[in-house]
Amino acid sequence: MTLEEAKEILSVYRDDLPLDEPPEVSEALAMLETDDALQTWFEAEQKFDEELASAFSDIEVPEDLATKILTESPSQSADTPVAESKIVSFPTRRLWMAAAAAVVLTAAGLVKYFAFPPPVVFTGTGFSAVSKFREDMAFYATERFVLGHMTKDLGEARDWLKQHQSPSYEEVPGAIVEFEGMGCQTFNWGEHQVSLVCFKNEDDDIVHLFVANKAAFTELMPATELQTLQVEHQLETGGWMSEDKIYLFVGSDPKVKINALLASISGL
């Protein structure tokens, strides 16, 4: 079982559910006991779930909701046999009530889930090595996150990052200058601030561009090594260095190719 598969299973796991554990759940729980990265992620996920449950408890359900659901639910067909109606009608009403309540809860939950996702947790050491930066940014691209500013204009994204004292570019790199932006974000990687710009390539696939200050790294690699296409977390990665910045392209999906972007960067 991979780390991502274990996360997918544990993201919906609750230890108070009175159900026999499928083999996959048992395997994920066993992995949780020995994998430090998974433990750190699971603790953050559990904290987020507690906050989400607390938000649900604050939702006020209208007192007349059940009455409205029952009166507005589809009427029973006159052709339905009596014996069948005894089996179906009561559970169906309960289902309508549960579904309506779920809509109320889910609407609030989705807003919180996507607007305030749990923070991406970076584990391990070596937050001054370009190789770890490359690996962790690919990991970030596989996680759930939101953009701090939505814009199709990559120049506007640059200005927003500058306003937030986050690493950016003086000019939009020629490789992406004609592409449609999606937005940008800034976050902490260890003690360092990192910028993220998302855009769509010529195939309408999402590509991430991460930017960090070169001064943050004490373990640099040859520029040609960073330029080399490399797969991390099943995503293609590759980047370049300027005098004071490190740039890294990461695809959003294993099928997203970044070869052409790397090749079009001036000087490569």
Protein backbone atom coordinates (compact mmCIF):
# COMPACT_ATOMS: atom_id res chain seq x y z
CA MET A 1 0.00 0.00 0.00
CA THR A 2 1.35 3.43 -0.96
CA LEU A 3 1.31 6.49 1.27
CA GLU A 4 -1.36 8.14 -0.87
CA GLU A 5 -3.59 5.04 -0.74
CA ALA A 6 -3.25 4.93 3.04
CA LYS A 7 -4.19 8.62 3.27
CA GLU A 8 -7.28 8.07 1.13
CA ILE A 9 -8.46 5.27 3.44
CA LEU A 10 -7.61 7.04 6.70
CA SER A 11 -9.23 10.29 5.57
CA VAL A 12 -12.65 8.69 6.15
CA TYR A 13 -11.67 6.43 9.04
CA ARG A 14 -13.42 6.72 12.42
CA ASP A 15 -12.51 4.47 15.32
CA ASP A 16 -16.00 4.71 16.85
CA LEU A 17 -17.80 3.12 13.92
CA PRO A 18 -19.19 -0.33 14.89
CA LEU A 19 -18.00 -2.04 11.75
CA ASP A 20 -15.55 -4.83 11.10
CA GLU A 21 -12.38 -3.41 9.60
CA PRO A 22 -11.76 -4.43 5.97
CA PRO A 23 -8.23 -5.68 5.23
CA GLU A 24 -7.36 -2.38 3.53
CA VAL A 25 -8.22 -0.40 6.66
CA SER A 26 -6.19 -2.74 8.85
CA GLU A 27 -3.24 -2.38 6.51
CA ALA A 28 -3.51 1.43 6.55
CA LEU A 29 -3.72 1.44 10.37
CA ALA A 30 -0.67 -0.80 10.59
CA MET A 31 1.20 1.57 8.28
CA LEU A 32 0.12 4.47 10.49
CA GLU A 33 1.96 2.93 13.46
CA THR A 34 5.31 2.84 11.67
CA ASP A 35 5.28 5.75 9.21
CA ASP A 36 6.16 9.10 10.83
CA ALA A 37 5.01 11.14 7.82
CA LEU A 38 1.64 9.39 7.82
CA GLN A 39 1.27 9.95 11.56
CA THR A 40 1.94 13.67 11.21
CA TRP A 41 -0.55 13.93 8.36
CA PHE A 42 -3.19 11.89 10.25
CA GLU A 43 -2.94 14.12 13.33
CA ALA A 44 -3.52 17.22 11.18
CA GLU A 45 -6.42 15.51 9.41
CA GLN A 46 -8.04 14.49 12.71
CA LYS A 47 -7.74 18.05 14.02
CA PHE A 48 -9.38 19.34 10.88
CA ASP A 49 -12.23 16.82 11.22
CA GLU A 50 -12.85 17.99 14.78
CA GLU A 51 -13.06 21.60 13.60
CA LEU A 52 -15.42 20.56 10.81
CA ALA A 53 -17.67 18.67 13.26
CA SER A 54 -17.72 21.72 15.50
CA ALA A 55 -18.80 23.86 12.54
CA PHE A 56 -21.65 21.41 11.81
CA SER A 57 -22.90 21.72 15.37
CA ASP A 58 -23.42 25.45 14.84
CA ILE A 59 -25.78 24.91 11.90
CA GLU A 60 -29.41 25.69 12.74
CA VAL A 61 -31.87 23.40 10.97
CA PRO A 62 -35.30 25.04 10.40
CA GLU A 63 -37.95 23.61 12.74
CA ASP A 64 -40.39 23.03 9.88
CA LEU A 65 -37.85 21.27 7.64
CA ALA A 66 -39.18 17.77 8.31
CA THR A 67 -42.79 18.86 7.67
CA LYS A 68 -41.87 20.50 4.40
CA ILE A 69 -39.95 17.44 3.24
CA LEU A 70 -42.82 15.08 4.05
CA THR A 71 -45.45 17.26 2.42
CA GLU A 72 -43.37 17.97 -0.67
CA SER A 73 -42.04 14.46 -1.21
CA PRO A 74 -43.34 12.51 -4.23
CA SER A 75 -46.78 11.00 -3.61
CA GLN A 76 -47.21 7.28 -3.63
CA SER A 77 -48.45 5.91 -6.92
CA ALA A 78 -51.95 4.43 -6.90
CA ASP A 79 -50.57 1.50 -8.86
CA THR A 80 -48.11 0.54 -6.13
CA PRO A 81 -49.15 -2.75 -4.48
CA VAL A 82 -50.11 -2.41 -0.80
CA ALA A 83 -47.59 -5.03 0.32
CA GLU A 84 -44.80 -3.20 -1.47
CA SER A 85 -45.84 0.19 -0.09
CA LYS A 86 -45.49 -1.08 3.49
CA ILE A 87 -41.86 -1.91 2.78
CA VAL A 88 -40.95 1.17 0.83
CA SER A 89 -42.91 4.18 2.10
CA PHE A 90 -41.54 4.63 5.63
CA PRO A 91 -37.87 4.13 4.75
CA THR A 92 -38.37 6.42 1.76
CA ARG A 93 -39.65 9.22 4.01
CA ARG A 94 -36.75 8.74 6.34
CA LEU A 95 -34.43 8.86 3.35
CA TRP A 96 -35.91 12.17 2.21
CA MET A 97 -35.42 13.64 5.68
CA ALA A 98 -31.86 12.38 5.89
CA ALA A 99 -31.08 13.62 2.40
CA ALA A 100 -32.42 17.10 3.16
CA ALA A 101 -30.46 17.31 6.37
CA ALA A 102 -27.38 16.08 4.53
CA VAL A 103 -27.78 18.87 1.97
CA VAL A 104 -27.77 21.47 4.73
CA LEU A 105 -24.74 19.94 6.44
CA THR A 106 -22.88 19.16 3.25
CA ALA A 107 -23.27 22.69 1.90
CA ALA A 108 -21.68 24.14 5.00
CA GLY A 109 -19.14 21.35 5.15
CA LEU A 110 -18.01 21.76 1.56
CA VAL A 111 -17.46 25.47 2.05
CA LYS A 112 -15.25 24.79 5.05
CA TYR A 113 -13.58 21.76 3.45
CA PHE A 114 -12.50 23.58 0.30
CA ALA A 115 -12.13 27.12 1.68
CA PHE A 116 -10.20 26.03 4.78
CA PRO A 117 -8.45 22.74 4.02
CA PRO A 118 -6.04 21.36 6.60
CA PRO A 119 -2.49 22.67 6.10
CA VAL A 120 -0.08 20.65 4.01
CA VAL A 121 2.44 19.12 6.41
CA PHE A 122 6.05 18.76 5.28
CA THR A 123 8.04 16.18 7.22
CA GLY A 124 11.66 15.20 7.60
CA THR A 125 14.76 17.37 7.59
CA GLY A 126 16.92 19.08 5.00
CA PHE A 127 14.85 22.18 4.32
CA SER A 128 17.89 23.85 2.78
CA ALA A 129 18.42 21.26 0.02
CA VAL A 130 17.12 21.83 -3.51
CA SER A 131 16.51 18.08 -3.85
CA LYS A 132 14.11 18.12 -0.89
CA PHE A 133 12.46 21.28 -2.24
CA ARG A 134 11.82 19.46 -5.47
CA GLU A 135 10.35 16.44 -3.71
CA ASP A 136 8.22 18.44 -1.27
CA MET A 137 6.77 20.75 -3.94
CA ALA A 138 5.65 17.71 -5.94
CA PHE A 139 4.09 16.39 -2.72
CA TYR A 140 2.33 19.75 -2.20
CA ALA A 141 0.89 19.51 -5.72
CA THR A 142 -0.79 16.20 -4.79
CA GLU A 143 -2.45 17.67 -1.67
CA ARG A 144 -5.67 19.66 -1.26
CA PHE A 145 -5.05 23.41 -1.12
CA VAL A 146 -6.68 26.69 -2.07
CA LEU A 147 -5.22 29.69 -3.88
CA GLY A 148 -4.87 32.93 -1.98
CA HIS A 149 -5.64 35.03 -5.05
CA MET A 150 -7.56 34.03 -8.18
CA THR A 151 -6.51 35.65 -11.44
CA LYS A 152 -5.99 34.76 -15.09
CA ASP A 153 -3.32 37.47 -15.39
CA LEU A 154 0.13 36.12 -14.52
CA GLY A 155 1.41 39.67 -14.16
CA GLU A 156 -1.27 40.35 -11.57
CA ALA A 157 -0.27 37.15 -9.79
CA ARG A 158 3.32 38.43 -9.66
CA ASP A 159 2.16 41.74 -8.17
CA TRP A 160 0.06 39.97 -5.52
CA LEU A 161 3.02 37.86 -4.46
CA LYS A 162 5.20 40.96 -4.20
CA GLN A 163 2.60 42.68 -2.04
CA HIS A 164 2.77 39.69 0.31
CA GLN A 165 6.59 39.86 0.42
CA SER A 166 6.76 36.44 -1.18
CA PRO A 167 9.34 35.25 -3.76
CA SER A 168 8.32 36.17 -7.27
CA TYR A 169 9.66 36.97 -10.74
CA GLU A 170 10.48 40.40 -12.14
CA GLU A 171 9.09 39.45 -15.53
CA VAL A 172 6.70 36.63 -16.35
CA PRO A 173 8.90 33.78 -17.63
CA GLY A 174 8.69 33.53 -21.40
CA ALA A 175 7.68 29.88 -21.15
CA ILE A 176 4.34 30.81 -19.56
CA VAL A 177 3.78 34.44 -20.54
CA GLU A 178 1.04 33.56 -23.06
CA PHE A 179 -0.76 31.03 -20.89
CA GLU A 180 -3.91 31.60 -18.87
CA GLY A 181 -3.29 31.91 -15.17
CA MET A 182 -5.49 30.50 -12.45
CA GLY A 183 -4.13 32.15 -9.33
CA CYS A 184 -1.36 32.18 -6.78
CA GLN A 185 -0.58 31.32 -3.19
CA THR A 186 2.18 31.73 -0.62
CA PHE A 187 3.03 29.23 2.11
CA ASN A 188 5.82 28.19 4.45
CA TRP A 189 8.24 25.39 3.69
CA GLY A 190 10.17 24.82 6.85
CA GLU A 191 11.29 28.32 7.82
CA HIS A 192 11.21 29.54 4.22
CA GLN A 193 8.44 31.25 2.29
CA VAL A 194 7.49 29.76 -1.07
CA SER A 195 5.28 31.16 -3.82
CA LEU A 196 2.99 29.12 -6.05
CA VAL A 197 1.51 30.20 -9.36
CA CYS A 198 -0.96 27.94 -11.17
CA PHE A 199 -1.64 28.20 -14.89
CA LYS A 200 -2.99 26.14 -17.78
CA ASN A 201 -0.68 24.95 -20.54
CA GLU A 202 -1.44 24.56 -24.25
CA ASP A 203 -3.30 21.31 -23.53
CA ASP A 204 -5.44 23.03 -20.88
CA ASP A 205 -3.70 21.03 -18.15
CA ILE A 206 -2.84 22.66 -14.84
CA VAL A 207 0.83 23.28 -14.12
CA HIS A 208 2.32 24.56 -10.86
CA LEU A 209 5.23 27.00 -10.75
CA PHE A 210 6.96 27.18 -7.35
CA VAL A 211 9.36 30.02 -6.58
CA ALA A 212 11.79 30.25 -3.65
CA ASN A 213 14.62 32.57 -2.71
CA LYS A 214 17.97 31.04 -3.62
CA ALA A 215 19.47 32.40 -0.39
CA ALA A 216 17.31 29.93 1.56
CA PHE A 217 19.38 27.02 0.27
CA THR A 218 22.76 25.93 1.54
CA GLU A 219 22.71 22.67 -0.39
CA LEU A 220 22.49 23.70 -4.02
CA MET A 221 22.76 21.42 -7.03
CA PRO A 222 24.20 22.18 -10.46
CA ALA A 223 21.72 24.20 -12.51
CA THR A 224 21.76 21.52 -15.20
CA GLU A 225 20.61 18.90 -12.66
CA LEU A 226 17.59 21.00 -11.71
CA GLN A 227 16.77 21.43 -15.40
CA THR A 228 16.65 17.68 -15.88
CA LEU A 229 13.19 16.21 -16.05
CA GLN A 230 12.51 14.14 -12.95
CA VAL A 231 9.47 12.32 -11.57
CA GLU A 232 8.48 12.92 -7.94
CA HIS A 233 5.24 11.53 -6.44
CA GLN A 234 4.38 10.37 -9.99
CA LEU A 235 4.48 13.99 -11.24
CA GLU A 236 6.97 15.43 -13.72
CA THR A 237 9.19 18.17 -12.30
CA GLY A 238 11.91 20.41 -13.64
CA GLY A 239 13.20 23.92 -13.09
CA TRP A 240 15.93 26.49 -13.33
CA MET A 241 17.85 29.05 -11.28
CA SER A 242 18.32 32.77 -11.65
CA GLU A 243 20.78 34.89 -9.74
CA ASP A 244 18.55 35.01 -6.66
CA LYS A 245 15.61 32.64 -7.24
CA ILE A 246 14.88 28.96 -7.77
CA TYR A 247 11.95 28.06 -10.02
CA LEU A 248 10.28 24.68 -10.31
CA PHE A 249 7.57 23.41 -12.64
CA VAL A 250 5.40 20.55 -11.33
CA GLY A 251 2.59 18.92 -13.28
CA SER A 252 -0.84 18.46 -11.70
CA ASP A 253 -1.28 14.93 -13.00
CA PRO A 254 1.07 12.14 -14.16
CA LYS A 255 0.02 12.77 -17.75
CA VAL A 256 1.03 16.46 -17.67
CA LYS A 257 4.28 16.96 -19.59
CA ILE A 258 6.61 19.84 -18.81
CA ASN A 259 9.39 19.10 -21.33
CA ALA A 260 8.32 21.90 -23.64
CA LEU A 261 8.16 24.40 -20.79
CA LEU A 262 11.68 23.54 -19.69
CA ALA A 263 12.99 23.71 -23.24
CA SER A 264 11.47 27.16 -23.80
CA ILE A 265 13.06 28.79 -20.76
CA SER A 266 15.61 31.30 -22.02
CA GLY A 267 19.16 30.02 -21.63
CA LEU A 268 18.35 26.31 -21.20
